[in-house]
Amino acid sequence: MKNALWPMAALLALGACGGSTEDQTPTESEGDAPEGSPDITLRFPVGEEGGEARAEHISVAMQIPPALRGRWGMNAADCEPGRADAKGLLAISPNELEFYESVGQLIDIDEIDDSRIAATFAFTGEGMEWEQQVTLDAQDSGTVLIRREYGKDAAPGPFRYEKCP
């Protein structure tokens, strides 16, 4: 239960930091979240157990950089459309990593720039669920992707992928 309360405490602390916003005009980076940004809904219990919960809706621009998105293969055969045995294929969308037998949802970003992200993903696959710290780094003018895992149960790496045509 303690872990469920920290996001609310963080939001309240951030809200208390700002001054009056009447004379402030948002800059380009402070405006609305980009199209396709995931919306996060936080639910906090209200009243007694079994009572209704209210939702706090927050729009967050938390996405994998565009330079990292797309289809990546560990070898050329992984990039062939329709192959059922493309075990080295990695498909990256704005907030998801899709492997042959697992999918990871972006849940936290540690570091990010135009061609790199270090983040935590919540994975599901083969009847299991786990969290994993992953770094994705585009190299060679965006034609090569290097993936590294960190933390408990991290796969030894790095893993090298090439951008699928």
N, C-alpha and C. Protein backbone atom coordinates (compact mmCIF):
# COMPACT_ATOMS: atom_id res chain seq x y z
N MET A 1 0.83 -1.20 0.00
CA MET A 1 0.00 0.00 0.00
C MET A 1 0.87 1.26 0.00
N LYS A 2 2.06 1.19 0.70
CA LYS A 2 2.94 2.35 0.72
C LYS A 2 3.36 2.75 -0.68
N ASN A 3 3.66 1.75 -1.54
CA ASN A 3 4.10 2.04 -2.90
C ASN A 3 3.01 2.73 -3.71
N ALA A 4 1.76 2.48 -3.40
CA ALA A 4 0.66 3.08 -4.14
C ALA A 4 0.48 4.55 -3.78
N LEU A 5 0.98 4.99 -2.64
CA LEU A 5 0.77 6.37 -2.19
C LEU A 5 1.87 7.32 -2.65
N TRP A 6 3.05 6.82 -3.00
CA TRP A 6 4.14 7.73 -3.35
C TRP A 6 3.85 8.59 -4.56
N PRO A 7 3.15 8.09 -5.62
CA PRO A 7 2.87 8.98 -6.75
C PRO A 7 2.00 10.18 -6.34
N MET A 8 1.05 9.95 -5.45
CA MET A 8 0.19 11.04 -4.99
C MET A 8 1.00 12.06 -4.21
N ALA A 9 1.91 11.58 -3.35
CA ALA A 9 2.75 12.49 -2.57
C ALA A 9 3.64 13.32 -3.50
N ALA A 10 4.18 12.69 -4.53
CA ALA A 10 5.03 13.40 -5.48
C ALA A 10 4.24 14.47 -6.22
N LEU A 11 3.03 14.15 -6.63
CA LEU A 11 2.20 15.13 -7.34
C LEU A 11 1.84 16.31 -6.45
N LEU A 12 1.53 16.04 -5.19
CA LEU A 12 1.21 17.12 -4.26
C LEU A 12 2.42 18.00 -4.02
N ALA A 13 3.60 17.39 -3.88
CA ALA A 13 4.82 18.16 -3.66
C ALA A 13 5.12 19.04 -4.87
N LEU A 14 4.96 18.53 -6.06
CA LEU A 14 5.20 19.32 -7.27
C LEU A 14 4.20 20.46 -7.38
N GLY A 15 2.97 20.21 -7.03
CA GLY A 15 1.95 21.25 -7.09
C GLY A 15 2.24 22.39 -6.14
N ALA A 16 2.85 22.10 -5.01
CA ALA A 16 3.15 23.11 -4.02
C ALA A 16 4.35 23.97 -4.42
N CYS A 17 5.17 23.50 -5.34
CA CYS A 17 6.39 24.20 -5.73
C CYS A 17 6.12 25.42 -6.59
N GLY A 18 5.11 25.39 -7.41
CA GLY A 18 4.89 26.45 -8.39
C GLY A 18 4.26 27.68 -7.78
N GLY A 19 4.52 28.82 -8.40
CA GLY A 19 3.88 30.05 -7.99
C GLY A 19 2.63 30.28 -8.82
N SER A 20 2.24 31.54 -8.94
CA SER A 20 1.06 31.87 -9.74
C SER A 20 1.35 31.60 -11.21
N THR A 21 0.39 31.06 -11.90
CA THR A 21 0.57 30.77 -13.33
C THR A 21 -0.24 31.71 -14.20
N GLU A 22 -0.82 32.76 -13.61
CA GLU A 22 -1.68 33.65 -14.37
C GLU A 22 -0.92 34.38 -15.48
N ASP A 23 0.33 34.80 -15.20
CA ASP A 23 1.09 35.58 -16.16
C ASP A 23 2.07 34.72 -16.95
N GLN A 24 2.00 33.42 -16.81
CA GLN A 24 2.95 32.55 -17.49
C GLN A 24 2.31 31.95 -18.73
N THR A 25 3.04 31.99 -19.83
CA THR A 25 2.61 31.37 -21.07
C THR A 25 3.43 30.12 -21.26
N PRO A 26 2.79 28.98 -21.49
CA PRO A 26 3.58 27.76 -21.65
C PRO A 26 4.48 27.83 -22.87
N THR A 27 5.70 27.30 -22.72
CA THR A 27 6.60 27.22 -23.85
C THR A 27 6.19 26.04 -24.71
N GLU A 28 6.86 25.89 -25.84
CA GLU A 28 6.52 24.79 -26.75
C GLU A 28 6.65 23.44 -26.05
N SER A 29 7.69 23.29 -25.21
CA SER A 29 7.89 22.01 -24.54
C SER A 29 6.95 21.80 -23.37
N GLU A 30 6.29 22.86 -22.90
CA GLU A 30 5.38 22.73 -21.77
C GLU A 30 3.93 22.57 -22.20
N GLY A 31 3.66 22.63 -23.48
CA GLY A 31 2.28 22.57 -23.97
C GLY A 31 1.68 21.19 -23.80
N ASP A 32 0.65 20.93 -24.57
CA ASP A 32 -0.02 19.64 -24.51
C ASP A 32 0.93 18.53 -24.88
N ALA A 33 0.65 17.34 -24.38
CA ALA A 33 1.47 16.17 -24.70
C ALA A 33 1.33 15.86 -26.18
N PRO A 34 2.40 15.34 -26.79
CA PRO A 34 2.33 15.00 -28.21
C PRO A 34 1.26 13.96 -28.48
N GLU A 35 0.74 13.99 -29.71
CA GLU A 35 -0.28 13.02 -30.10
C GLU A 35 0.30 11.62 -29.95
N GLY A 36 -0.50 10.72 -29.42
CA GLY A 36 -0.04 9.35 -29.22
C GLY A 36 0.59 9.11 -27.86
N SER A 37 0.68 10.16 -27.02
CA SER A 37 1.23 9.97 -25.69
C SER A 37 0.30 9.12 -24.85
N PRO A 38 0.86 8.23 -24.04
CA PRO A 38 -0.01 7.42 -23.20
C PRO A 38 -0.66 8.28 -22.13
N ASP A 39 -1.91 8.04 -21.85
CA ASP A 39 -2.59 8.69 -20.74
C ASP A 39 -2.55 7.74 -19.57
N ILE A 40 -2.23 8.29 -18.41
CA ILE A 40 -2.13 7.46 -17.22
C ILE A 40 -3.25 7.86 -16.27
N THR A 41 -3.96 6.90 -15.78
CA THR A 41 -5.02 7.15 -14.81
C THR A 41 -4.60 6.53 -13.49
N LEU A 42 -4.49 7.37 -12.46
CA LEU A 42 -4.15 6.88 -11.13
C LEU A 42 -5.43 6.72 -10.33
N ARG A 43 -5.56 5.63 -9.62
CA ARG A 43 -6.74 5.40 -8.81
C ARG A 43 -6.33 5.32 -7.34
N PHE A 44 -7.01 6.12 -6.51
CA PHE A 44 -6.75 6.14 -5.09
C PHE A 44 -8.02 5.74 -4.36
N PRO A 45 -7.92 4.82 -3.39
CA PRO A 45 -9.12 4.39 -2.66
C PRO A 45 -9.70 5.54 -1.84
N VAL A 46 -11.01 5.59 -1.78
CA VAL A 46 -11.71 6.60 -1.01
C VAL A 46 -12.68 5.89 -0.08
N GLY A 47 -12.71 6.32 1.16
CA GLY A 47 -13.67 5.72 2.10
C GLY A 47 -13.22 4.36 2.58
N GLU A 48 -14.18 3.58 3.03
CA GLU A 48 -13.89 2.27 3.60
C GLU A 48 -13.58 1.26 2.51
N GLU A 49 -13.06 0.12 2.94
CA GLU A 49 -12.72 -0.95 2.01
C GLU A 49 -13.93 -1.30 1.16
N GLY A 50 -13.70 -1.48 -0.12
CA GLY A 50 -14.79 -1.78 -1.04
C GLY A 50 -15.50 -0.54 -1.52
N GLY A 51 -15.07 0.64 -1.04
CA GLY A 51 -15.71 1.89 -1.45
C GLY A 51 -15.33 2.28 -2.86
N GLU A 52 -15.91 3.35 -3.33
CA GLU A 52 -15.63 3.83 -4.67
C GLU A 52 -14.24 4.44 -4.73
N ALA A 53 -13.65 4.39 -5.88
CA ALA A 53 -12.35 5.01 -6.10
C ALA A 53 -12.54 6.15 -7.08
N ARG A 54 -11.79 7.22 -6.89
CA ARG A 54 -11.85 8.33 -7.85
C ARG A 54 -10.60 8.24 -8.71
N ALA A 55 -10.67 8.76 -9.88
CA ALA A 55 -9.53 8.68 -10.80
C ALA A 55 -8.94 10.07 -10.99
N GLU A 56 -7.64 10.15 -10.91
CA GLU A 56 -6.90 11.36 -11.24
C GLU A 56 -6.28 11.10 -12.61
N HIS A 57 -6.66 11.88 -13.61
CA HIS A 57 -6.21 11.65 -14.98
C HIS A 57 -5.04 12.58 -15.29
N ILE A 58 -3.94 11.99 -15.72
CA ILE A 58 -2.75 12.77 -16.03
C ILE A 58 -2.27 12.39 -17.42
N SER A 59 -2.06 13.37 -18.28
CA SER A 59 -1.50 13.10 -19.60
C SER A 59 0.01 13.26 -19.51
N VAL A 60 0.73 12.25 -19.93
CA VAL A 60 2.17 12.25 -19.78
C VAL A 60 2.82 11.97 -21.14
N ALA A 61 3.81 12.77 -21.50
CA ALA A 61 4.56 12.53 -22.73
C ALA A 61 5.76 11.65 -22.40
N MET A 62 5.49 10.38 -22.16
CA MET A 62 6.53 9.42 -21.80
C MET A 62 6.60 8.40 -22.93
N GLN A 63 7.54 8.62 -23.84
CA GLN A 63 7.61 7.76 -25.01
C GLN A 63 9.05 7.41 -25.36
N ILE A 64 9.18 6.29 -26.05
CA ILE A 64 10.45 5.88 -26.62
C ILE A 64 10.73 6.82 -27.80
N PRO A 65 11.96 7.34 -27.92
CA PRO A 65 12.26 8.28 -29.01
C PRO A 65 11.97 7.69 -30.40
N PRO A 66 11.49 8.52 -31.32
CA PRO A 66 11.17 8.04 -32.68
C PRO A 66 12.32 7.33 -33.38
N ALA A 67 13.56 7.74 -33.14
CA ALA A 67 14.72 7.11 -33.79
C ALA A 67 14.87 5.64 -33.42
N LEU A 68 14.27 5.23 -32.30
CA LEU A 68 14.39 3.85 -31.85
C LEU A 68 13.20 2.99 -32.27
N ARG A 69 12.15 3.62 -32.75
CA ARG A 69 10.92 2.89 -33.08
C ARG A 69 11.05 2.16 -34.41
N GLY A 70 10.25 1.11 -34.55
CA GLY A 70 10.23 0.36 -35.79
C GLY A 70 10.56 -1.10 -35.54
N ARG A 71 10.90 -1.78 -36.63
CA ARG A 71 11.22 -3.21 -36.56
C ARG A 71 12.73 -3.39 -36.68
N TRP A 72 13.28 -4.19 -35.78
CA TRP A 72 14.71 -4.44 -35.72
C TRP A 72 14.94 -5.95 -35.70
N GLY A 73 15.94 -6.42 -36.44
CA GLY A 73 16.22 -7.85 -36.48
C GLY A 73 17.65 -8.15 -36.09
N MET A 74 17.84 -9.30 -35.41
CA MET A 74 19.19 -9.73 -35.06
C MET A 74 19.90 -10.29 -36.30
N ASN A 75 19.12 -10.72 -37.29
CA ASN A 75 19.67 -11.15 -38.58
C ASN A 75 18.64 -10.81 -39.65
N ALA A 76 19.04 -10.92 -40.91
CA ALA A 76 18.17 -10.51 -42.02
C ALA A 76 16.86 -11.29 -42.06
N ALA A 77 16.90 -12.57 -41.71
CA ALA A 77 15.69 -13.40 -41.75
C ALA A 77 14.62 -12.91 -40.77
N ASP A 78 15.04 -12.29 -39.66
CA ASP A 78 14.08 -11.77 -38.69
C ASP A 78 13.21 -10.67 -39.28
N CYS A 79 13.71 -9.99 -40.29
CA CYS A 79 12.99 -8.86 -40.89
C CYS A 79 12.01 -9.28 -41.98
N GLU A 80 12.02 -10.53 -42.38
CA GLU A 80 11.12 -10.98 -43.44
C GLU A 80 9.68 -11.00 -42.90
N PRO A 81 8.77 -10.25 -43.55
CA PRO A 81 7.38 -10.19 -43.08
C PRO A 81 6.72 -11.57 -43.08
N GLY A 82 5.93 -11.83 -42.06
CA GLY A 82 5.15 -13.05 -41.98
C GLY A 82 5.88 -14.28 -41.48
N ARG A 83 7.16 -14.16 -41.16
CA ARG A 83 7.90 -15.32 -40.65
C ARG A 83 7.43 -15.65 -39.24
N ALA A 84 7.03 -16.87 -39.02
CA ALA A 84 6.56 -17.30 -37.69
C ALA A 84 7.73 -17.61 -36.77
N ASP A 85 8.92 -17.79 -37.33
CA ASP A 85 10.07 -18.16 -36.51
C ASP A 85 11.08 -17.01 -36.35
N ALA A 86 10.62 -15.77 -36.44
CA ALA A 86 11.50 -14.60 -36.32
C ALA A 86 11.80 -14.33 -34.85
N LYS A 87 12.59 -15.20 -34.24
CA LYS A 87 12.85 -15.11 -32.80
C LYS A 87 13.76 -13.94 -32.43
N GLY A 88 14.44 -13.35 -33.40
CA GLY A 88 15.30 -12.22 -33.14
C GLY A 88 14.68 -10.89 -33.50
N LEU A 89 13.38 -10.87 -33.79
CA LEU A 89 12.70 -9.63 -34.16
C LEU A 89 12.32 -8.85 -32.90
N LEU A 90 12.57 -7.54 -32.93
CA LEU A 90 12.16 -6.63 -31.87
C LEU A 90 11.39 -5.50 -32.53
N ALA A 91 10.11 -5.36 -32.18
CA ALA A 91 9.26 -4.28 -32.70
C ALA A 91 9.09 -3.25 -31.58
N ILE A 92 9.44 -2.01 -31.88
CA ILE A 92 9.39 -0.94 -30.88
C ILE A 92 8.35 0.10 -31.30
N SER A 93 7.39 0.35 -30.42
CA SER A 93 6.37 1.38 -30.62
C SER A 93 6.63 2.50 -29.61
N PRO A 94 5.82 3.55 -29.56
CA PRO A 94 6.08 4.65 -28.64
C PRO A 94 6.23 4.25 -27.17
N ASN A 95 5.54 3.19 -26.72
CA ASN A 95 5.64 2.83 -25.30
C ASN A 95 5.72 1.32 -25.08
N GLU A 96 6.22 0.58 -26.08
CA GLU A 96 6.21 -0.87 -25.95
C GLU A 96 7.37 -1.51 -26.72
N LEU A 97 7.92 -2.58 -26.14
CA LEU A 97 8.89 -3.45 -26.81
C LEU A 97 8.21 -4.79 -27.03
N GLU A 98 8.19 -5.26 -28.27
CA GLU A 98 7.54 -6.55 -28.56
C GLU A 98 8.58 -7.52 -29.11
N PHE A 99 8.81 -8.59 -28.34
CA PHE A 99 9.74 -9.64 -28.73
C PHE A 99 8.93 -10.85 -29.21
N TYR A 100 9.63 -11.92 -29.56
CA TYR A 100 9.00 -13.13 -30.08
C TYR A 100 7.98 -13.71 -29.10
N GLU A 101 8.33 -13.78 -27.82
CA GLU A 101 7.43 -14.39 -26.83
C GLU A 101 7.14 -13.51 -25.62
N SER A 102 7.43 -12.21 -25.71
CA SER A 102 7.13 -11.32 -24.59
C SER A 102 6.90 -9.90 -25.08
N VAL A 103 6.23 -9.12 -24.24
CA VAL A 103 5.94 -7.72 -24.53
C VAL A 103 6.27 -6.92 -23.28
N GLY A 104 6.97 -5.79 -23.46
CA GLY A 104 7.32 -4.92 -22.35
C GLY A 104 6.69 -3.56 -22.50
N GLN A 105 5.95 -3.11 -21.48
CA GLN A 105 5.32 -1.79 -21.46
C GLN A 105 6.24 -0.82 -20.72
N LEU A 106 6.48 0.34 -21.30
CA LEU A 106 7.30 1.38 -20.69
C LEU A 106 6.61 1.88 -19.42
N ILE A 107 7.33 1.83 -18.28
CA ILE A 107 6.73 2.32 -17.04
C ILE A 107 7.53 3.43 -16.38
N ASP A 108 8.83 3.57 -16.71
CA ASP A 108 9.63 4.62 -16.08
C ASP A 108 10.85 4.90 -16.96
N ILE A 109 11.22 6.17 -17.09
CA ILE A 109 12.39 6.55 -17.87
C ILE A 109 13.45 7.10 -16.93
N ASP A 110 14.67 6.55 -17.03
CA ASP A 110 15.80 7.03 -16.24
C ASP A 110 16.61 8.07 -17.02
N GLU A 111 16.91 7.78 -18.29
CA GLU A 111 17.66 8.68 -19.15
C GLU A 111 17.05 8.62 -20.55
N ILE A 112 17.09 9.76 -21.24
CA ILE A 112 16.53 9.77 -22.60
C ILE A 112 17.17 10.89 -23.41
N ASP A 113 17.41 10.63 -24.68
CA ASP A 113 17.74 11.66 -25.65
C ASP A 113 17.20 11.20 -27.00
N ASP A 114 17.57 11.87 -28.08
CA ASP A 114 16.97 11.57 -29.39
C ASP A 114 17.22 10.15 -29.88
N SER A 115 18.33 9.53 -29.48
CA SER A 115 18.66 8.21 -30.01
C SER A 115 18.97 7.18 -28.92
N ARG A 116 18.57 7.46 -27.69
CA ARG A 116 18.89 6.56 -26.58
C ARG A 116 17.84 6.67 -25.49
N ILE A 117 17.56 5.54 -24.84
CA ILE A 117 16.68 5.54 -23.67
C ILE A 117 17.16 4.48 -22.70
N ALA A 118 17.16 4.83 -21.43
CA ALA A 118 17.40 3.88 -20.35
C ALA A 118 16.12 3.92 -19.52
N ALA A 119 15.42 2.79 -19.44
CA ALA A 119 14.09 2.81 -18.84
C ALA A 119 13.75 1.46 -18.21
N THR A 120 12.66 1.47 -17.45
CA THR A 120 12.14 0.24 -16.85
C THR A 120 10.88 -0.15 -17.60
N PHE A 121 10.78 -1.42 -17.93
CA PHE A 121 9.64 -1.96 -18.65
C PHE A 121 8.99 -3.07 -17.83
N ALA A 122 7.66 -3.14 -17.88
CA ALA A 122 6.91 -4.23 -17.25
C ALA A 122 6.62 -5.25 -18.34
N PHE A 123 7.22 -6.43 -18.21
CA PHE A 123 7.10 -7.47 -19.23
C PHE A 123 6.08 -8.52 -18.85
N THR A 124 5.45 -9.09 -19.89
CA THR A 124 4.60 -10.27 -19.75
C THR A 124 4.97 -11.21 -20.89
N GLY A 125 4.92 -12.50 -20.60
CA GLY A 125 5.20 -13.48 -21.63
C GLY A 125 5.39 -14.86 -21.05
N GLU A 126 4.98 -15.86 -21.79
CA GLU A 126 5.09 -17.25 -21.38
C GLU A 126 4.53 -17.49 -19.98
N GLY A 127 3.42 -16.83 -19.66
CA GLY A 127 2.75 -17.01 -18.38
C GLY A 127 3.43 -16.33 -17.21
N MET A 128 4.38 -15.44 -17.47
CA MET A 128 5.12 -14.77 -16.39
C MET A 128 4.99 -13.26 -16.53
N GLU A 129 5.29 -12.56 -15.42
CA GLU A 129 5.35 -11.10 -15.39
C GLU A 129 6.61 -10.70 -14.65
N TRP A 130 7.32 -9.66 -15.15
CA TRP A 130 8.52 -9.19 -14.49
C TRP A 130 8.82 -7.77 -14.97
N GLU A 131 9.66 -7.08 -14.21
CA GLU A 131 10.14 -5.76 -14.60
C GLU A 131 11.62 -5.88 -14.94
N GLN A 132 12.05 -5.11 -15.93
CA GLN A 132 13.44 -5.16 -16.36
C GLN A 132 13.91 -3.78 -16.77
N GLN A 133 15.12 -3.43 -16.35
CA GLN A 133 15.75 -2.19 -16.79
C GLN A 133 16.42 -2.47 -18.13
N VAL A 134 16.13 -1.63 -19.12
CA VAL A 134 16.63 -1.84 -20.48
C VAL A 134 17.19 -0.52 -21.01
N THR A 135 18.32 -0.62 -21.70
CA THR A 135 18.88 0.53 -22.42
C THR A 135 18.85 0.21 -23.91
N LEU A 136 18.32 1.14 -24.69
CA LEU A 136 18.28 1.03 -26.15
C LEU A 136 19.09 2.19 -26.70
N ASP A 137 20.03 1.89 -27.60
CA ASP A 137 20.93 2.91 -28.12
C ASP A 137 21.07 2.75 -29.63
N ALA A 138 20.61 3.74 -30.40
CA ALA A 138 20.75 3.71 -31.86
C ALA A 138 22.15 4.17 -32.23
N GLN A 139 22.77 3.45 -33.16
CA GLN A 139 24.12 3.76 -33.60
C GLN A 139 24.19 3.71 -35.12
N ASP A 140 25.35 4.07 -35.67
CA ASP A 140 25.57 4.04 -37.12
C ASP A 140 24.45 4.73 -37.89
N SER A 141 24.20 5.98 -37.55
CA SER A 141 23.17 6.80 -38.20
C SER A 141 21.78 6.18 -38.13
N GLY A 142 21.50 5.46 -37.04
CA GLY A 142 20.17 4.90 -36.82
C GLY A 142 19.92 3.57 -37.50
N THR A 143 20.95 2.92 -38.03
CA THR A 143 20.76 1.63 -38.69
C THR A 143 21.02 0.45 -37.77
N VAL A 144 21.66 0.71 -36.63
CA VAL A 144 21.99 -0.34 -35.66
C VAL A 144 21.41 0.04 -34.31
N LEU A 145 20.88 -0.94 -33.61
CA LEU A 145 20.34 -0.76 -32.27
C LEU A 145 21.08 -1.70 -31.32
N ILE A 146 21.55 -1.16 -30.21
CA ILE A 146 22.19 -1.97 -29.18
C ILE A 146 21.26 -1.99 -27.97
N ARG A 147 20.91 -3.20 -27.53
CA ARG A 147 20.03 -3.37 -26.36
C ARG A 147 20.84 -4.02 -25.24
N ARG A 148 20.71 -3.43 -24.05
CA ARG A 148 21.34 -3.98 -22.85
C ARG A 148 20.29 -4.08 -21.76
N GLU A 149 20.41 -5.11 -20.92
CA GLU A 149 19.52 -5.28 -19.77
C GLU A 149 20.36 -5.17 -18.50
N TYR A 150 19.72 -4.65 -17.44
CA TYR A 150 20.39 -4.48 -16.16
C TYR A 150 19.49 -4.98 -15.05
N GLY A 151 20.09 -5.26 -13.91
CA GLY A 151 19.32 -5.67 -12.74
C GLY A 151 19.19 -7.17 -12.63
N LYS A 152 18.32 -7.57 -11.71
CA LYS A 152 18.08 -8.98 -11.43
C LYS A 152 17.58 -9.69 -12.69
N ASP A 153 18.11 -10.86 -12.94
CA ASP A 153 17.71 -11.71 -14.07
C ASP A 153 17.96 -11.07 -15.44
N ALA A 154 18.88 -10.11 -15.50
CA ALA A 154 19.20 -9.49 -16.79
C ALA A 154 19.90 -10.50 -17.69
N ALA A 155 19.53 -10.49 -18.95
CA ALA A 155 20.19 -11.35 -19.93
C ALA A 155 21.58 -10.79 -20.22
N PRO A 156 22.56 -11.66 -20.38
CA PRO A 156 23.89 -11.15 -20.72
C PRO A 156 23.83 -10.51 -22.10
N GLY A 157 24.55 -9.48 -22.30
CA GLY A 157 24.49 -8.78 -23.57
C GLY A 157 25.81 -8.10 -23.82
N PRO A 158 25.86 -7.16 -24.68
CA PRO A 158 24.77 -6.49 -25.38
C PRO A 158 24.22 -7.30 -26.56
N PHE A 159 23.03 -6.89 -27.02
CA PHE A 159 22.38 -7.51 -28.16
C PHE A 159 22.37 -6.49 -29.30
N ARG A 160 22.77 -6.93 -30.49
CA ARG A 160 22.87 -6.04 -31.65
C ARG A 160 21.76 -6.37 -32.64
N TYR A 161 21.05 -5.32 -33.09
CA TYR A 161 19.97 -5.44 -34.06
C TYR A 161 20.26 -4.51 -35.23
N GLU A 162 19.73 -4.84 -36.39
CA GLU A 162 19.78 -3.94 -37.54
C GLU A 162 18.35 -3.56 -37.91
N LYS A 163 18.21 -2.31 -38.34
CA LYS A 163 16.88 -1.78 -38.71
C LYS A 163 16.34 -2.56 -39.91
N CYS A 164 15.10 -3.02 -39.79
CA CYS A 164 14.46 -3.72 -40.90
C CYS A 164 14.04 -2.71 -41.97
N PRO A 165 14.15 -3.10 -43.25
CA PRO A 165 13.77 -2.17 -44.33
C PRO A 165 12.27 -1.92 -44.35
